[in-house]
C-alpha atoms as a PDB file:
ATOM      1  CA  THR A   1      23.066  37.087-182.311  1.00  0.00           C
ATOM      2  CA  PRO A   2      21.972  36.432-178.757  1.00  0.00           C
ATOM      3  CA  GLY A   3      24.706  37.178-176.240  1.00  0.00           C
ATOM      4  CA  ALA A   4      26.722  39.204-178.589  1.00  0.00           C
ATOM      5  CA  ASP A   5      26.387  42.336-176.338  1.00  0.00           C
ATOM      6  CA  SER A   6      27.017  40.375-173.114  1.00  0.00           C
ATOM      7  CA  PRO A   7      30.407  41.265-171.532  1.00  0.00           C
ATOM      8  CA  ILE A   8      31.758  37.665-171.260  1.00  0.00           C
ATOM      9  CA  THR A   9      30.031  34.458-172.244  1.00  0.00           C
ATOM     10  CA  GLY A  10      30.651  31.324-170.290  1.00  0.00           C
ATOM     11  CA  GLU A  11      32.937  29.890-173.060  1.00  0.00           C
ATOM     12  CA  ARG A  12      34.905  33.003-173.389  1.00  0.00           C
ATOM     13  CA  ARG A  13      35.243  33.398-169.533  1.00  0.00           C
ATOM     14  CA  GLN A  14      36.741  29.802-169.431  1.00  0.00           C
ATOM     15  CA  GLU A  15      39.113  30.829-172.311  1.00  0.00           C
ATOM     16  CA  LEU A  16      40.070  34.092-170.450  1.00  0.00           C
ATOM     17  CA  GLU A  17      40.575  32.432-167.057  1.00  0.00           C
ATOM     18  CA  GLN A  18      42.861  29.751-168.700  1.00  0.00           C
ATOM     19  CA  TRP A  19      44.781  32.476-170.495  1.00  0.00           C
ATOM     20  CA  LEU A  20      45.114  34.467-167.169  1.00  0.00           C
ATOM     21  CA  ARG A  21      46.576  31.543-165.383  1.00  0.00           C
ATOM     22  CA  GLN A  22      49.513  31.466-167.858  1.00  0.00           C
ATOM     23  CA  ILE A  23      50.472  35.024-167.086  1.00  0.00           C
ATOM     24  CA  PRO A  24      53.242  35.604-164.558  1.00  0.00           C
ATOM     25  CA  ASP A  25      51.994  37.298-161.383  1.00  0.00           C
ATOM     26  CA  ASP A  26      52.825  40.805-162.508  1.00  0.00           C
ATOM     27  CA  PRO A  27      50.005  43.283-162.168  1.00  0.00           C
ATOM     28  CA  GLY A  28      51.574  45.769-164.699  1.00  0.00           C
ATOM     29  CA  GLU A  29      52.015  43.040-167.266  1.00  0.00           C
ATOM     30  CA  LEU A  30      48.589  41.619-166.425  1.00  0.00           C
ATOM     31  CA  LEU A  31      46.913  44.955-167.223  1.00  0.00           C
ATOM     32  CA  ARG A  32      48.943  45.502-170.389  1.00  0.00           C
ATOM     33  CA  ARG A  33      47.954  42.044-171.820  1.00  0.00           C
ATOM     34  CA  LYS A  34      44.347  42.399-170.700  1.00  0.00           C
ATOM     35  CA  PHE A  35      44.055  45.673-172.353  1.00  0.00           C
ATOM     36  CA  ARG A  36      45.750  44.358-175.520  1.00  0.00           C
ATOM     37  CA  TYR A  37      43.503  41.311-175.473  1.00  0.00           C
ATOM     38  CA  GLU A  38      40.300  43.339-175.238  1.00  0.00           C
ATOM     39  CA  GLN A  39      41.430  45.736-178.086  1.00  0.00           C
ATOM     40  CA  GLN A  40      42.045  42.655-180.267  1.00  0.00           C
ATOM     41  CA  HIS A  41      38.757  41.201-179.330  1.00  0.00           C
ATOM     42  CA  GLN A  42      36.803  44.471-180.088  1.00  0.00           C
ATOM     43  CA  GLU A  43      38.627  44.820-183.468  1.00  0.00           C
ATOM     44  CA  LYS A  44      37.447  41.256-184.414  1.00  0.00           C
ATOM     45  CA  THR A  45      33.825  41.853-183.375  1.00  0.00           C
ATOM     46  CA  ARG A  46      33.396  45.231-185.139  1.00  0.00           C
END
C-alpha cells in the first residue's frame, strides 16, 4: 500500500495532534504516552 512506510500520513498527523492537545502539559507523561502510542501502532501494523 502506498504511504504505508511514511512516518505519519496527513490523516494520522491530524489524529495525533488532536490527541496531543488532550494531554496535560507534562513532558514526562507526554513522552510515556507517545511511546506507548507508537508501540501500540507498530503492533497493529506488523
